[in-house]
PDB file of N, CA and C in Angstrom:
ATOM      1  N   MET A   1     108.980  92.270  64.800  1.00  0.00           N
ATOM      2  CA  MET A   1     108.396  92.867  66.236  1.00  0.00           C
ATOM      3  C   MET A   1     109.441  93.937  66.115  1.00  0.00           C
ATOM      4  N   SER A   2     109.226  95.280  66.606  1.00  0.00           N
ATOM      5  CA  SER A   2     110.203  96.266  66.525  1.00  0.00           C
ATOM      6  C   SER A   2     110.222  97.132  67.780  1.00  0.00           C
ATOM      7  N   PHE A   3     111.166  97.998  67.998  1.00  0.00           N
ATOM      8  CA  PHE A   3     110.736  99.175  69.487  1.00  0.00           C
ATOM      9  C   PHE A   3     111.854  99.884  69.413  1.00  0.00           C
ATOM     10  N   PHE A   4     111.939 100.958  69.877  1.00  0.00           N
ATOM     11  CA  PHE A   4     112.589 102.316  69.604  1.00  0.00           C
ATOM     12  C   PHE A   4     113.777 102.410  70.946  1.00  0.00           C
ATOM     13  N   CYS A   5     115.030 102.727  70.393  1.00  0.00           N
ATOM     14  CA  CYS A   5     116.000 102.620  71.597  1.00  0.00           C
ATOM     15  C   CYS A   5     116.478 103.574  71.604  1.00  0.00           C
ATOM     16  N   GLY A   6     116.863 104.617  73.102  1.00  0.00           N
ATOM     17  CA  GLY A   6     117.316 105.253  72.753  1.00  0.00           C
ATOM     18  C   GLY A   6     118.607 105.633  73.693  1.00  0.00           C
ATOM     19  N   GLN A   7     118.933 106.878  73.357  1.00  0.00           N
ATOM     20  CA  GLN A   7     120.426 107.037  74.174  1.00  0.00           C
ATOM     21  C   GLN A   7     120.654 108.235  75.312  1.00  0.00           C
ATOM     22  N   ILE A   8     120.974 108.730  76.426  1.00  0.00           N
ATOM     23  CA  ILE A   8     120.529 109.853  76.638  1.00  0.00           C
ATOM     24  C   ILE A   8     121.852 110.209  78.037  1.00  0.00           C
ATOM     25  N   ILE A   9     122.507 111.347  77.461  1.00  0.00           N
ATOM     26  CA  ILE A   9     123.573 111.748  78.925  1.00  0.00           C
ATOM     27  C   ILE A   9     122.838 112.491  79.684  1.00  0.00           C
ATOM     28  N   GLY A  10     122.713 112.524  80.847  1.00  0.00           N
ATOM     29  CA  GLY A  10     122.465 113.524  81.888  1.00  0.00           C
ATOM     30  C   GLY A  10     122.548 113.188  83.274  1.00  0.00           C
ATOM     31  N   ARG A  11     121.650 114.604  84.072  1.00  0.00           N
ATOM     32  CA  ARG A  11     122.175 114.143  85.550  1.00  0.00           C
ATOM     33  C   ARG A  11     120.901 113.623  86.167  1.00  0.00           C
ATOM     34  N   LEU A  12     121.133 113.058  87.076  1.00  0.00           N
ATOM     35  CA  LEU A  12     119.503 112.848  87.981  1.00  0.00           C
ATOM     36  C   LEU A  12     119.030 113.974  88.643  1.00  0.00           C
ATOM     37  N   GLY A  13     117.845 113.919  88.854  1.00  0.00           N
ATOM     38  CA  GLY A  13     117.234 115.408  89.178  1.00  0.00           C
ATOM     39  C   GLY A  13     116.515 114.884  90.660  1.00  0.00           C
ATOM     40  N   LYS A  14     117.139 113.386  91.097  1.00  0.00           N
ATOM     41  CA  LYS A  14     116.787 112.928  92.295  1.00  0.00           C
ATOM     42  C   LYS A  14     117.001 111.580  92.930  1.00  0.00           C
ATOM     43  N   ASP A  15     117.828 111.312  93.866  1.00  0.00           N
ATOM     44  CA  ASP A  15     118.171 110.061  94.436  1.00  0.00           C
ATOM     45  C   ASP A  15     116.885 109.150  93.799  1.00  0.00           C
ATOM     46  N   PRO A  16     117.622 108.238  93.568  1.00  0.00           N
ATOM     47  CA  PRO A  16     116.334 106.749  93.027  1.00  0.00           C
ATOM     48  C   PRO A  16     115.881 106.519  93.894  1.00  0.00           C
ATOM     49  N   LEU A  17     114.382 106.195  93.512  1.00  0.00           N
ATOM     50  CA  LEU A  17     113.208 105.212  94.762  1.00  0.00           C
ATOM     51  C   LEU A  17     113.191 103.849  94.203  1.00  0.00           C
ATOM     52  N   GLU A  18     113.180 103.153  95.190  1.00  0.00           N
ATOM     53  CA  GLU A  18     112.731 101.554  94.784  1.00  0.00           C
ATOM     54  C   GLU A  18     110.966 101.740  94.604  1.00  0.00           C
ATOM     55  N   LYS A  19     110.777 100.768  93.957  1.00  0.00           N
ATOM     56  CA  LYS A  19     109.428  99.956  93.979  1.00  0.00           C
ATOM     57  C   LYS A  19     109.145  99.034  93.841  1.00  0.00           C
ATOM     58  N   THR A  20     107.920  98.586  94.063  1.00  0.00           N
ATOM     59  CA  THR A  20     107.693  97.150  93.865  1.00  0.00           C
ATOM     60  C   THR A  20     106.184  97.063  93.299  1.00  0.00           C
ATOM     61  N   THR A  21     106.091  96.415  92.455  1.00  0.00           N
ATOM     62  CA  THR A  21     104.902  96.156  91.505  1.00  0.00           C
ATOM     63  C   THR A  21     103.918  95.082  92.551  1.00  0.00           C
ATOM     64  N   LYS A  22     102.603  94.812  92.020  1.00  0.00           N
ATOM     65  CA  LYS A  22     101.771  94.680  92.700  1.00  0.00           C
ATOM     66  C   LYS A  22     101.968  93.006  92.762  1.00  0.00           C
ATOM     67  N   LYS A  23     102.762  92.491  91.848  1.00  0.00           N
ATOM     68  CA  LYS A  23     103.080  91.003  92.192  1.00  0.00           C
ATOM     69  C   LYS A  23     104.391  91.039  92.836  1.00  0.00           C
ATOM     70  N   GLY A  24     104.800  91.750  93.896  1.00  0.00           N
ATOM     71  CA  GLY A  24     105.890  92.086  94.521  1.00  0.00           C
ATOM     72  C   GLY A  24     107.241  92.090  93.412  1.00  0.00           C
ATOM     73  N   THR A  25     107.672  92.372  92.106  1.00  0.00           N
ATOM     74  CA  THR A  25     108.741  92.665  91.452  1.00  0.00           C
ATOM     75  C   THR A  25     109.197  93.858  92.179  1.00  0.00           C
ATOM     76  N   LYS A  26     110.598  93.716  92.214  1.00  0.00           N
ATOM     77  CA  LYS A  26     111.266  95.597  92.414  1.00  0.00           C
ATOM     78  C   LYS A  26     111.536  96.206  91.177  1.00  0.00           C
ATOM     79  N   LEU A  27     111.413  97.430  91.342  1.00  0.00           N
ATOM     80  CA  LEU A  27     111.939  97.974  90.131  1.00  0.00           C
ATOM     81  C   LEU A  27     112.585  99.037  90.868  1.00  0.00           C
ATOM     82  N   THR A  28     113.594 100.489  90.423  1.00  0.00           N
ATOM     83  CA  THR A  28     113.545 101.440  90.292  1.00  0.00           C
ATOM     84  C   THR A  28     113.352 102.466  89.813  1.00  0.00           C
ATOM     85  N   VAL A  29     112.791 103.960  90.243  1.00  0.00           N
ATOM     86  CA  VAL A  29     112.813 104.875  89.500  1.00  0.00           C
ATOM     87  C   VAL A  29     113.402 105.870  89.460  1.00  0.00           C
ATOM     88  N   PHE A  30     113.601 106.747  88.819  1.00  0.00           N
ATOM     89  CA  PHE A  30     114.452 107.955  88.760  1.00  0.00           C
ATOM     90  C   PHE A  30     114.743 109.101  87.361  1.00  0.00           C
ATOM     91  N   THR A  31     114.600 110.583  87.625  1.00  0.00           N
ATOM     92  CA  THR A  31     114.827 111.577  86.582  1.00  0.00           C
ATOM     93  C   THR A  31     115.896 111.818  86.019  1.00  0.00           C
ATOM     94  N   VAL A  32     115.586 111.972  84.909  1.00  0.00           N
ATOM     95  CA  VAL A  32     117.293 112.480  84.294  1.00  0.00           C
ATOM     96  C   VAL A  32     117.082 113.757  83.475  1.00  0.00           C
ATOM     97  N   ALA A  33     118.085 114.643  83.809  1.00  0.00           N
ATOM     98  CA  ALA A  33     117.698 116.314  83.004  1.00  0.00           C
ATOM     99  C   ALA A  33     118.587 116.157  82.089  1.00  0.00           C
ATOM    100  N   VAL A  34     118.131 116.562  80.771  1.00  0.00           N
ATOM    101  CA  VAL A  34     119.162 116.061  79.664  1.00  0.00           C
ATOM    102  C   VAL A  34     119.039 117.792  79.399  1.00  0.00           C
ATOM    103  N   ASP A  35     119.940 119.220  79.155  1.00  0.00           N
ATOM    104  CA  ASP A  35     120.622 120.304  78.703  1.00  0.00           C
ATOM    105  C   ASP A  35     120.378 120.115  77.558  1.00  0.00           C
ATOM    106  N   ARG A  36     119.808 121.122  76.571  1.00  0.00           N
ATOM    107  CA  ARG A  36     120.047 121.559  75.245  1.00  0.00           C
ATOM    108  C   ARG A  36     120.728 123.151  75.358  1.00  0.00           C
ATOM    109  N   GLN A  37     121.051 123.471  74.585  1.00  0.00           N
ATOM    110  CA  GLN A  37     121.466 124.568  74.280  1.00  0.00           C
ATOM    111  C   GLN A  37     122.196 124.763  72.497  1.00  0.00           C
ATOM    112  N   TRP A  38     121.028 126.514  72.216  1.00  0.00           N
ATOM    113  CA  TRP A  38     121.274 126.613  71.374  1.00  0.00           C
ATOM    114  C   TRP A  38     121.156 128.132  70.771  1.00  0.00           C
ATOM    115  N   LYS A  39     121.946 128.458  69.812  1.00  0.00           N
ATOM    116  CA  LYS A  39     121.763 129.939  69.664  1.00  0.00           C
ATOM    117  C   LYS A  39     121.020 130.373  68.856  1.00  0.00           C
ATOM    118  N   GLY A  40     120.119 131.219  68.826  1.00  0.00           N
ATOM    119  CA  GLY A  40     119.259 131.784  67.620  1.00  0.00           C
ATOM    120  C   GLY A  40     119.654 132.642  66.931  1.00  0.00           C
ATOM    121  N   SER A  41     118.956 133.162  65.797  1.00  0.00           N
ATOM    122  CA  SER A  41     119.188 133.641  64.834  1.00  0.00           C
ATOM    123  C   SER A  41     119.754 135.330  65.269  1.00  0.00           C
ATOM    124  N   ASP A  42     118.540 135.727  66.441  1.00  0.00           N
ATOM    125  CA  ASP A  42     119.522 136.907  66.996  1.00  0.00           C
ATOM    126  C   ASP A  42     120.635 136.542  67.779  1.00  0.00           C
ATOM    127  N   GLY A  43     121.092 135.793  68.080  1.00  0.00           N
ATOM    128  CA  GLY A  43     122.576 135.541  68.538  1.00  0.00           C
ATOM    129  C   GLY A  43     122.571 135.091  69.882  1.00  0.00           C
ATOM    130  N   VAL A  44     121.045 135.153  70.418  1.00  0.00           N
ATOM    131  CA  VAL A  44     121.409 134.833  71.917  1.00  0.00           C
ATOM    132  C   VAL A  44     121.245 133.508  72.077  1.00  0.00           C
ATOM    133  N   VAL A  45     121.932 133.067  73.213  1.00  0.00           N
ATOM    134  CA  VAL A  45     121.968 131.197  73.389  1.00  0.00           C
ATOM    135  C   VAL A  45     120.709 131.410  74.590  1.00  0.00           C
ATOM    136  N   HIS A  46     120.210 130.352  73.954  1.00  0.00           N
ATOM    137  CA  HIS A  46     118.883 129.474  74.699  1.00  0.00           C
ATOM    138  C   HIS A  46     119.548 128.690  75.220  1.00  0.00           C
ATOM    139  N   LYS A  47     118.714 128.297  76.579  1.00  0.00           N
ATOM    140  CA  LYS A  47     118.787 126.956  77.416  1.00  0.00           C
ATOM    141  C   LYS A  47     117.537 126.334  77.626  1.00  0.00           C
ATOM    142  N   GLU A  48     117.628 124.907  77.446  1.00  0.00           N
ATOM    143  CA  GLU A  48     116.150 124.466  77.941  1.00  0.00           C
ATOM    144  C   GLU A  48     116.962 123.214  78.953  1.00  0.00           C
ATOM    145  N   ILE A  49     115.677 122.315  79.330  1.00  0.00           N
ATOM    146  CA  ILE A  49     116.170 121.082  80.227  1.00  0.00           C
ATOM    147  C   ILE A  49     114.672 119.991  79.671  1.00  0.00           C
ATOM    148  N   ASP A  50     114.766 118.973  79.363  1.00  0.00           N
ATOM    149  CA  ASP A  50     114.219 118.490  79.308  1.00  0.00           C
ATOM    150  C   ASP A  50     114.644 116.989  80.389  1.00  0.00           C
ATOM    151  N   TRP A  51     113.190 116.671  80.497  1.00  0.00           N
ATOM    152  CA  TRP A  51     113.252 115.527  81.764  1.00  0.00           C
ATOM    153  C   TRP A  51     112.940 114.343  81.111  1.00  0.00           C
ATOM    154  N   PHE A  52     113.459 112.944  82.181  1.00  0.00           N
ATOM    155  CA  PHE A  52     112.771 111.932  81.311  1.00  0.00           C
ATOM    156  C   PHE A  52     112.646 111.064  82.326  1.00  0.00           C
ATOM    157  N   ASN A  53     111.695 110.327  82.790  1.00  0.00           N
ATOM    158  CA  ASN A  53     111.087 109.155  83.823  1.00  0.00           C
ATOM    159  C   ASN A  53     111.860 107.814  83.115  1.00  0.00           C
ATOM    160  N   VAL A  54     113.298 107.361  83.944  1.00  0.00           N
ATOM    161  CA  VAL A  54     113.559 105.940  83.989  1.00  0.00           C
ATOM    162  C   VAL A  54     113.315 105.394  85.168  1.00  0.00           C
ATOM    163  N   GLU A  55     113.088 104.080  84.361  1.00  0.00           N
ATOM    164  CA  GLU A  55     112.602 102.673  85.142  1.00  0.00           C
ATOM    165  C   GLU A  55     113.951 101.579  85.011  1.00  0.00           C
ATOM    166  N   ALA A  56     114.558 100.932  85.948  1.00  0.00           N
ATOM    167  CA  ALA A  56     115.619 100.090  85.715  1.00  0.00           C
ATOM    168  C   ALA A  56     114.994  99.302  86.918  1.00  0.00           C
ATOM    169  N   TRP A  57     115.137  97.925  86.091  1.00  0.00           N
ATOM    170  CA  TRP A  57     114.656  96.520  86.388  1.00  0.00           C
ATOM    171  C   TRP A  57     115.779  95.664  86.845  1.00  0.00           C
ATOM    172  N   GLY A  58     115.459  94.274  87.463  1.00  0.00           N
ATOM    173  CA  GLY A  58     116.341  93.818  88.285  1.00  0.00           C
ATOM    174  C   GLY A  58     117.827  93.907  88.793  1.00  0.00           C
ATOM    175  N   ARG A  59     118.863  93.015  88.551  1.00  0.00           N
ATOM    176  CA  ARG A  59     119.953  93.807  88.726  1.00  0.00           C
ATOM    177  C   ARG A  59     120.133  95.406  88.676  1.00  0.00           C
ATOM    178  N   LEU A  60     120.409  95.805  87.135  1.00  0.00           N
ATOM    179  CA  LEU A  60     120.485  96.946  87.267  1.00  0.00           C
ATOM    180  C   LEU A  60     119.700  98.175  88.034  1.00  0.00           C
ATOM    181  N   GLY A  61     118.228  97.674  88.157  1.00  0.00           N
ATOM    182  CA  GLY A  61     117.689  98.808  89.091  1.00  0.00           C
ATOM    183  C   GLY A  61     118.267  98.764  90.605  1.00  0.00           C
ATOM    184  N   GLU A  62     119.022  97.378  91.244  1.00  0.00           N
ATOM    185  CA  GLU A  62     119.477  97.387  92.207  1.00  0.00           C
ATOM    186  C   GLU A  62     120.705  98.014  92.548  1.00  0.00           C
ATOM    187  N   ILE A  63     122.039  98.301  91.146  1.00  0.00           N
ATOM    188  CA  ILE A  63     123.013  98.456  91.825  1.00  0.00           C
ATOM    189  C   ILE A  63     122.742 100.065  90.850  1.00  0.00           C
ATOM    190  N   CYS A  64     121.763 100.606  90.035  1.00  0.00           N
ATOM    191  CA  CYS A  64     121.223 102.202  90.083  1.00  0.00           C
ATOM    192  C   CYS A  64     120.557 102.384  91.690  1.00  0.00           C
ATOM    193  N   LEU A  65     119.682 101.555  92.274  1.00  0.00           N
ATOM    194  CA  LEU A  65     119.380 102.439  93.965  1.00  0.00           C
ATOM    195  C   LEU A  65     120.632 102.731  94.779  1.00  0.00           C
ATOM    196  N   GLU A  66     121.946 101.885  94.137  1.00  0.00           N
ATOM    197  CA  GLU A  66     122.830 101.425  95.620  1.00  0.00           C
ATOM    198  C   GLU A  66     123.910 102.946  94.531  1.00  0.00           C
ATOM    199  N   TYR A  67     123.860 102.769  93.766  1.00  0.00           N
ATOM    200  CA  TYR A  67     125.194 103.897  93.356  1.00  0.00           C
ATOM    201  C   TYR A  67     125.013 105.282  93.291  1.00  0.00           C
ATOM    202  N   LEU A  68     123.900 105.675  92.435  1.00  0.00           N
ATOM    203  CA  LEU A  68     122.859 106.686  91.688  1.00  0.00           C
ATOM    204  C   LEU A  68     122.856 107.938  92.621  1.00  0.00           C
ATOM    205  N   LYS A  69     122.572 108.882  92.610  1.00  0.00           N
ATOM    206  CA  LYS A  69     122.895 109.711  93.776  1.00  0.00           C
ATOM    207  C   LYS A  69     122.181 111.172  93.137  1.00  0.00           C
ATOM    208  N   LYS A  70     121.386 111.702  93.570  1.00  0.00           N
ATOM    209  CA  LYS A  70     121.039 113.288  92.812  1.00  0.00           C
ATOM    210  C   LYS A  70     122.222 114.079  92.562  1.00  0.00           C
ATOM    211  N   GLY A  71     122.227 114.435  90.905  1.00  0.00           N
ATOM    212  CA  GLY A  71     123.011 115.400  90.554  1.00  0.00           C
ATOM    213  C   GLY A  71     124.474 114.204  89.616  1.00  0.00           C
ATOM    214  N   ARG A  72     124.212 112.953  89.745  1.00  0.00           N
ATOM    215  CA  ARG A  72     124.856 112.319  89.277  1.00  0.00           C
ATOM    216  C   ARG A  72     125.072 112.045  87.880  1.00  0.00           C
ATOM    217  N   LEU A  73     126.299 112.014  87.060  1.00  0.00           N
ATOM    218  CA  LEU A  73     126.323 112.632  85.492  1.00  0.00           C
ATOM    219  C   LEU A  73     126.531 110.733  84.607  1.00  0.00           C
ATOM    220  N   LEU A  74     125.355 110.635  84.225  1.00  0.00           N
ATOM    221  CA  LEU A  74     125.213 109.124  83.242  1.00  0.00           C
ATOM    222  C   LEU A  74     124.437 109.076  82.237  1.00  0.00           C
ATOM    223  N   PHE A  75     125.346 108.095  81.403  1.00  0.00           N
ATOM    224  CA  PHE A  75     124.676 107.744  80.144  1.00  0.00           C
ATOM    225  C   PHE A  75     123.815 106.741  80.445  1.00  0.00           C
ATOM    226  N   LEU A  76     122.747 106.639  79.599  1.00  0.00           N
ATOM    227  CA  LEU A  76     122.027 105.885  79.554  1.00  0.00           C
ATOM    228  C   LEU A  76     122.222 104.983  78.593  1.00  0.00           C
ATOM    229  N   GLU A  77     120.853 103.990  77.719  1.00  0.00           N
ATOM    230  CA  GLU A  77     120.413 103.209  76.817  1.00  0.00           C
ATOM    231  C   GLU A  77     119.170 102.522  77.134  1.00  0.00           C
ATOM    232  N   GLY A  78     118.028 102.433  76.318  1.00  0.00           N
ATOM    233  CA  GLY A  78     117.394 101.953  77.041  1.00  0.00           C
ATOM    234  C   GLY A  78     116.082 102.367  75.872  1.00  0.00           C
ATOM    235  N   ARG A  79     114.563 101.235  76.033  1.00  0.00           N
ATOM    236  CA  ARG A  79     113.932 101.189  75.109  1.00  0.00           C
ATOM    237  C   ARG A  79     112.893 102.606  75.428  1.00  0.00           C
ATOM    238  N   LEU A  80     111.871 102.667  74.544  1.00  0.00           N
ATOM    239  CA  LEU A  80     110.790 103.846  75.236  1.00  0.00           C
ATOM    240  C   LEU A  80     109.215 103.119  75.674  1.00  0.00           C
ATOM    241  N   ARG A  81     108.947 103.630  76.139  1.00  0.00           N
ATOM    242  CA  ARG A  81     107.572 103.085  76.143  1.00  0.00           C
ATOM    243  C   ARG A  81     106.723 104.169  76.627  1.00  0.00           C
ATOM    244  N   THR A  82     105.408 104.246  75.825  1.00  0.00           N
ATOM    245  CA  THR A  82     104.016 105.283  76.233  1.00  0.00           C
ATOM    246  C   THR A  82     102.749 104.695  77.127  1.00  0.00           C
ATOM    247  N   ASP A  83     103.267 105.247  77.932  1.00  0.00           N
ATOM    248  CA  ASP A  83     102.104 104.532  78.908  1.00  0.00           C
ATOM    249  C   ASP A  83     100.621 105.698  78.850  1.00  0.00           C
ATOM    250  N   ARG A  84      99.817 105.118  79.079  1.00  0.00           N
ATOM    251  CA  ARG A  84      98.389 106.185  79.063  1.00  0.00           C
ATOM    252  C   ARG A  84      97.532 105.749  80.651  1.00  0.00           C
ATOM    253  N   TYR A  85      96.791 106.812  80.884  1.00  0.00           N
ATOM    254  CA  TYR A  85      95.877 107.082  81.927  1.00  0.00           C
ATOM    255  C   TYR A  85      94.848 108.151  81.299  1.00  0.00           C
ATOM    256  N   GLU A  86      93.972 108.071  82.207  1.00  0.00           N
ATOM    257  CA  GLU A  86      92.885 108.823  82.148  1.00  0.00           C
ATOM    258  C   GLU A  86      92.224 109.828  83.578  1.00  0.00           C
ATOM    259  N   LYS A  87      92.588 110.462  83.721  1.00  0.00           N
ATOM    260  CA  LYS A  87      92.118 111.576  84.491  1.00  0.00           C
ATOM    261  C   LYS A  87      91.144 112.819  84.386  1.00  0.00           C
ATOM    262  N   ASP A  88      90.229 112.606  85.041  1.00  0.00           N
ATOM    263  CA  ASP A  88      89.052 113.987  84.420  1.00  0.00           C
ATOM    264  C   ASP A  88      88.445 113.802  83.258  1.00  0.00           C
ATOM    265  N   GLY A  89      88.482 112.399  82.740  1.00  0.00           N
ATOM    266  CA  GLY A  89      87.565 112.294  81.366  1.00  0.00           C
ATOM    267  C   GLY A  89      88.820 112.620  80.315  1.00  0.00           C
ATOM    268  N   GLU A  90      89.455 112.539  80.435  1.00  0.00           N
ATOM    269  CA  GLU A  90      90.721 112.840  79.397  1.00  0.00           C
ATOM    270  C   GLU A  90      92.066 112.064  79.833  1.00  0.00           C
ATOM    271  N   VAL A  91      91.955 111.723  78.363  1.00  0.00           N
ATOM    272  CA  VAL A  91      93.192 110.547  77.987  1.00  0.00           C
ATOM    273  C   VAL A  91      94.611 111.305  78.091  1.00  0.00           C
ATOM    274  N   LYS A  92      95.606 110.768  79.233  1.00  0.00           N
ATOM    275  CA  LYS A  92      97.007 111.375  79.487  1.00  0.00           C
ATOM    276  C   LYS A  92      98.055 110.183  78.385  1.00  0.00           C
ATOM    277  N   TYR A  93      99.194 110.533  78.066  1.00  0.00           N
ATOM    278  CA  TYR A  93     100.027 109.574  78.055  1.00  0.00           C
ATOM    279  C   TYR A  93     101.691 110.581  78.240  1.00  0.00           C
ATOM    280  N   PHE A  94     102.249 108.950  78.701  1.00  0.00           N
ATOM    281  CA  PHE A  94     103.810 109.973  79.201  1.00  0.00           C
ATOM    282  C   PHE A  94     104.761 108.605  78.558  1.00  0.00           C
ATOM    283  N   THR A  95     105.728 109.098  78.455  1.00  0.00           N
ATOM    284  CA  THR A  95     106.510 108.226  77.775  1.00  0.00           C
ATOM    285  C   THR A  95     108.100 107.889  78.739  1.00  0.00           C
ATOM    286  N   LYS A  96     108.197 106.752  79.233  1.00  0.00           N
ATOM    287  CA  LYS A  96     109.223 106.589  80.174  1.00  0.00           C
ATOM    288  C   LYS A  96     110.852 105.589  79.414  1.00  0.00           C
ATOM    289  N   VAL A  97     111.833 106.019  79.898  1.00  0.00           N
ATOM    290  CA  VAL A  97     112.783 104.984  79.333  1.00  0.00           C
ATOM    291  C   VAL A  97     113.145 103.836  80.452  1.00  0.00           C
ATOM    292  N   ILE A  98     112.883 102.281  79.672  1.00  0.00           N
ATOM    293  CA  ILE A  98     112.984 101.544  80.710  1.00  0.00           C
ATOM    294  C   ILE A  98     114.765 100.732  80.244  1.00  0.00           C
ATOM    295  N   ALA A  99     115.198 101.509  81.086  1.00  0.00           N
ATOM    296  CA  ALA A  99     117.072 101.408  80.981  1.00  0.00           C
ATOM    297  C   ALA A  99     117.470 100.048  80.229  1.00  0.00           C
ATOM    298  N   ARG A 100     118.498  99.893  79.872  1.00  0.00           N
ATOM    299  CA  ARG A 100     118.763  98.716  79.295  1.00  0.00           C
ATOM    300  C   ARG A 100     120.547  98.259  80.112  1.00  0.00           C
ATOM    301  N   GLN A 101     120.959  99.592  79.888  1.00  0.00           N
ATOM    302  CA  GLN A 101     122.424  99.716  80.293  1.00  0.00           C
ATOM    303  C   GLN A 101     123.079 101.178  80.402  1.00  0.00           C
ATOM    304  N   MET A 102     123.433 101.431  81.731  1.00  0.00           N
ATOM    305  CA  MET A 102     123.858 102.334  82.281  1.00  0.00           C
ATOM    306  C   MET A 102     125.173 102.574  82.759  1.00  0.00           C
ATOM    307  N   GLN A 103     125.313 103.725  82.733  1.00  0.00           N
ATOM    308  CA  GLN A 103     127.102 104.196  83.210  1.00  0.00           C
ATOM    309  C   GLN A 103     127.139 104.887  83.348  1.00  0.00           C
ATOM    310  N   MET A 104     128.081 105.514  84.387  1.00  0.00           N
ATOM    311  CA  MET A 104     128.531 106.729  85.773  1.00  0.00           C
ATOM    312  C   MET A 104     128.921 106.892  84.899  1.00  0.00           C
ATOM    313  N   LEU A 105     129.431 108.526  84.506  1.00  0.00           N
ATOM    314  CA  LEU A 105     130.224 109.168  83.926  1.00  0.00           C
ATOM    315  C   LEU A 105     130.967 110.118  84.813  1.00  0.00           C
ATOM    316  N   ASP A 106     130.760 110.564  85.898  1.00  0.00           N
ATOM    317  CA  ASP A 106     131.369 111.275  86.743  1.00  0.00           C
ATOM    318  C   ASP A 106     132.185 110.377  87.984  1.00  0.00           C
ATOM    319  N   TYR A 107     133.067 111.023  88.508  1.00  0.00           N
ATOM    320  CA  TYR A 107     133.899 110.809  89.476  1.00  0.00           C
ATOM    321  C   TYR A 107     133.440 109.566  90.706  1.00  0.00           C
ATOM    322  N   GLN A 108     133.760 108.872  91.174  1.00  0.00           N
ATOM    323  CA  GLN A 108     133.256 107.947  92.269  1.00  0.00           C
ATOM    324  C   GLN A 108     134.419 108.342  93.145  1.00  0.00           C
ATOM    325  N   SER A 109     133.396 107.936  94.734  1.00  0.00           N
ATOM    326  CA  SER A 109     134.586 108.456  95.960  1.00  0.00           C
ATOM    327  C   SER A 109     135.334 106.786  95.788  1.00  0.00           C
ATOM    328  N   LYS A 110     136.125 106.828  96.759  1.00  0.00           N
ATOM    329  CA  LYS A 110     136.984 105.665  97.170  1.00  0.00           C
ATOM    330  C   LYS A 110     136.472 104.494  97.135  1.00  0.00           C
ATOM    331  N   ASP A 111     135.143 104.613  98.673  1.00  0.00           N
ATOM    332  CA  ASP A 111     134.461 103.835  99.061  1.00  0.00           C
ATOM    333  C   ASP A 111     133.587 103.189  97.971  1.00  0.00           C
ATOM    334  N   LYS A 112     133.152 103.700  96.512  1.00  0.00           N
ATOM    335  CA  LYS A 112     132.389 102.803  95.851  1.00  0.00           C
ATOM    336  C   LYS A 112     133.448 102.252  94.505  1.00  0.00           C
ATOM    337  N   LYS A 113     134.177 101.261  94.824  1.00  0.00           N
ATOM    338  CA  LYS A 113     135.097 101.076  93.837  1.00  0.00           C
ATOM    339  C   LYS A 113     134.415 100.060  92.587  1.00  0.00           C
ATOM    340  N   GLU A 114     133.034  99.342  92.667  1.00  0.00           N
ATOM    341  CA  GLU A 114     132.471  98.893  91.609  1.00  0.00           C
ATOM    342  C   GLU A 114     132.727  99.574  90.470  1.00  0.00           C
ATOM    343  N   SER A 115     132.968  98.662  89.521  1.00  0.00           N
ATOM    344  CA  SER A 115     132.799  99.308  87.935  1.00  0.00           C
ATOM    345  C   SER A 115     131.810 100.220  87.503  1.00  0.00           C
ATOM    346  N   ALA A 116     132.132 101.236  86.723  1.00  0.00           N
ATOM    347  CA  ALA A 116     131.202 101.878  86.495  1.00  0.00           C
ATOM    348  C   ALA A 116     130.463 101.457  85.616  1.00  0.00           C
ATOM    349  N   ASN A 117     130.611 101.003  84.603  1.00  0.00           N
ATOM    350  CA  ASN A 117     130.252 100.456  83.306  1.00  0.00           C
ATOM    351  C   ASN A 117     129.266  99.203  83.610  1.00  0.00           C
ATOM    352  N   ILE A 118     128.046  99.709  83.625  1.00  0.00           N
ATOM    353  CA  ILE A 118     126.838  98.444  83.923  1.00  0.00           C
ATOM    354  C   ILE A 118     126.257  98.251  82.432  1.00  0.00           C
ATOM    355  N   GLU A 119     126.017  96.532  82.026  1.00  0.00           N
ATOM    356  CA  GLU A 119     125.039  96.611  81.232  1.00  0.00           C
ATOM    357  C   GLU A 119     124.470  94.884  81.397  1.00  0.00           C
ATOM    358  N   LEU A 120     123.396  95.159  81.388  1.00  0.00           N
ATOM    359  CA  LEU A 120     122.557  93.837  81.684  1.00  0.00           C
ATOM    360  C   LEU A 120     121.671  93.717  80.826  1.00  0.00           C
ATOM    361  N   GLU A 121     121.454  92.491  80.363  1.00  0.00           N
ATOM    362  CA  GLU A 121     120.747  91.868  79.086  1.00  0.00           C
ATOM    363  C   GLU A 121     118.897  92.263  79.909  1.00  0.00           C
ATOM    364  N   GLU A 122     118.432  93.023  79.137  1.00  0.00           N
ATOM    365  CA  GLU A 122     117.146  93.457  79.567  1.00  0.00           C
ATOM    366  C   GLU A 122     116.457  92.075  79.647  1.00  0.00           C
ATOM    367  N   LYS A 123     115.286  91.173  80.539  1.00  0.00           N
ATOM    368  CA  LYS A 123     114.516  90.306  80.761  1.00  0.00           C
ATOM    369  C   LYS A 123     113.239  91.274  80.720  1.00  0.00           C
ATOM    370  N   ASN A 124     112.603  90.681  80.440  1.00  0.00           N
ATOM    371  CA  ASN A 124     110.745  90.375  80.344  1.00  0.00           C
ATOM    372  C   ASN A 124     109.964  90.129  81.818  1.00  0.00           C
ATOM    373  N   ILE A 125     110.550  91.043  83.033  1.00  0.00           N
ATOM    374  CA  ILE A 125     109.975  90.821  84.030  1.00  0.00           C
ATOM    375  C   ILE A 125     109.003  92.066  84.047  1.00  0.00           C
ATOM    376  N   GLU A 126     108.821  93.151  83.238  1.00  0.00           N
ATOM    377  CA  GLU A 126     107.965  93.998  83.595  1.00  0.00           C
ATOM    378  C   GLU A 126     106.562  93.899  83.614  1.00  0.00           C
ATOM    379  N   GLU A 127     105.703  94.616  84.615  1.00  0.00           N
ATOM    380  CA  GLU A 127     104.768  94.104  84.761  1.00  0.00           C
ATOM    381  C   GLU A 127     103.412  95.087  84.847  1.00  0.00           C
ATOM    382  N   GLU A 128     102.979  94.814  84.358  1.00  0.00           N
ATOM    383  CA  GLU A 128     101.730  95.910  84.171  1.00  0.00           C
ATOM    384  C   GLU A 128     100.959  96.638  85.450  1.00  0.00           C
TER     385      GLU A 128
END
């Protein structure tokens, strides 16, 4: 058995959303933007943004839903999963991060004093 683990640091593109699977399991979904910057051979600085779709399940999903807001800076670790679907006769693929660990990296307001470092053991509760 093998899997790919990825780590990203970025900002939320919008507030997280709660979803429910067909079997009634809740999960939280959100997108994270990661800035990339480099200087080309001509000396010009280039910037690009990569967007990552993220799923958080179980207690980690509940915490993400409660504490994460658009623009929040965070660290995520998780495994990558590629899904496929067919549209207009063409097979499309997309990759998402299944979050296993999340750490909020920016300032928290005084009314949200719960620990910013959240690590939960990923459980096999995902459903197709």
